[in-house]
């Protein structure tokens, strides 16, 4: 199956466009980072106007991006160490929640002050501490520990006080009765809206109960540190069961029930245009593949993630090229080309029946749920929005198609500027979101570091202790995704392996 499995010899390093993409992407991250060492959330397309706020995720992304830039020869070892050291010094001085060791969600990148007034409109902000955002900061700190020996101790001082068990609620129950989930986060002052008071904090009412979504990085970190029980990995849902009680999900799943570590697990999956996969919440690439930048999920879970990641990429390609017929693919939350921010994905690939659309108009897919819910009208796809960072995440699983898709986005859609790929492009109108988000740029740098520098991000992130804690969990599970499945729209109906390229 040519799209996923045929890997041609790489061109000479000097001529490899991936290296040019990395160089320009780093230029945008450098433009977002001022004397404080804190990267801004985003910058304008001409690299002249960084935002006045940042987050733990942005800071973590900058840390691992600096390591990648060093490994690819974009900056010197001395410059990389100086940049990372400056950021760590600033992190050590930031206000944080002393009981949990966690960081607030929004800081002023110039001063490091916790934001209580949103700089763009003057509205009040109640300081919040997010489990997933702190997870990405911790990931960046772990990469520094593994890749920059001179700064290992400085990174450890910050990382070692972060307790992901603070987010874990052993009493939380998912819709199917599994127990023990991480919360979305908490406030340390009374917030507006729904919250649950506990001691000196107010927790969010929501918990993360889906397996294929980005908060699993926080769960991995908590389990590896002994702060969260290993059973938490199996307490999230692959899908809801095949029952009319759960007919509100995107489509009727197929699967089987099994047990792991004494936990009952429904191994459900969806099927879209002949491709079987375990869905994310919204159907986007970010939820499915960002944790894989750090944890070698494909290798550690050959019968779970090793099957699901290639199938996820194949289904995104199938949607963009053959279902919606955009001529391009790669769908994930990003800047809206018409202003603001948008959540893009492949609606059919998300558990949420009102999942993330792939176009500006919000076209929806509704397969129905057997006799429990009739199918809706066929989806109508309008001005599709492709997001380059999603394509970079797919590089390990579809290297040839990803390279070709990126070249078309750059050359045909004019989706490229001085800081690399712009954040998003609407393919039919040609409208470009001409700005750079540090999160999306750091995903691109992480993906390129792994592809071009021998899994540098994963090698730095994973320690022997982390592998001992997490690898057996991933290795014991088999998703309800065939080891060999026909992908008729991509490979002429041949049965092909889904365990990578």
Foldseek 3Di string as FASTA:
>chain_A
DQQFPDDDDAPPPVPGVLLVLLLLQVVLQVLQADPQLQGAQWAFLVSPGGDFKAFLLLSLLSLVLLLLCCLSVSDDPVVSVVSNVSSLVLVVVADDDQQQLFHWGMAGNVPNHRDQAHVPPRHGDQTWTFLLSRLSNLLSLLLCLQRPVVCVVSSCVSNVSHQLLVQKDQADADPVGQGIFGFGTWGQDDDPDDWCDDPRITTHPDTQQAQQFRSVSSVLVNLLVVSGPPCNNQRHALADALDLVLQQWQERWDFDWDDDPNDIYTQTWDADQFFIARFAAFAALNSHFLVCLAAVLLVLQVQHNLQHLLSSVLVQVCCPCPVQNLNAGHWAWWADLVGGTAGAHPRSRHGRNQHHHQAPVSWGFHCGRPPSGHGDDHTHHDQGKHFLLRLLSCCQRRVVNSVVRLVCCCPVLVQAGSSRGAGMARRPVSRYNSMGGSSSSSSNSSSSSCVPPVSSSNSSNDDPSSCVRPSVSSHVDHHPGDQWTFDCVPPVRDTDGSSTD
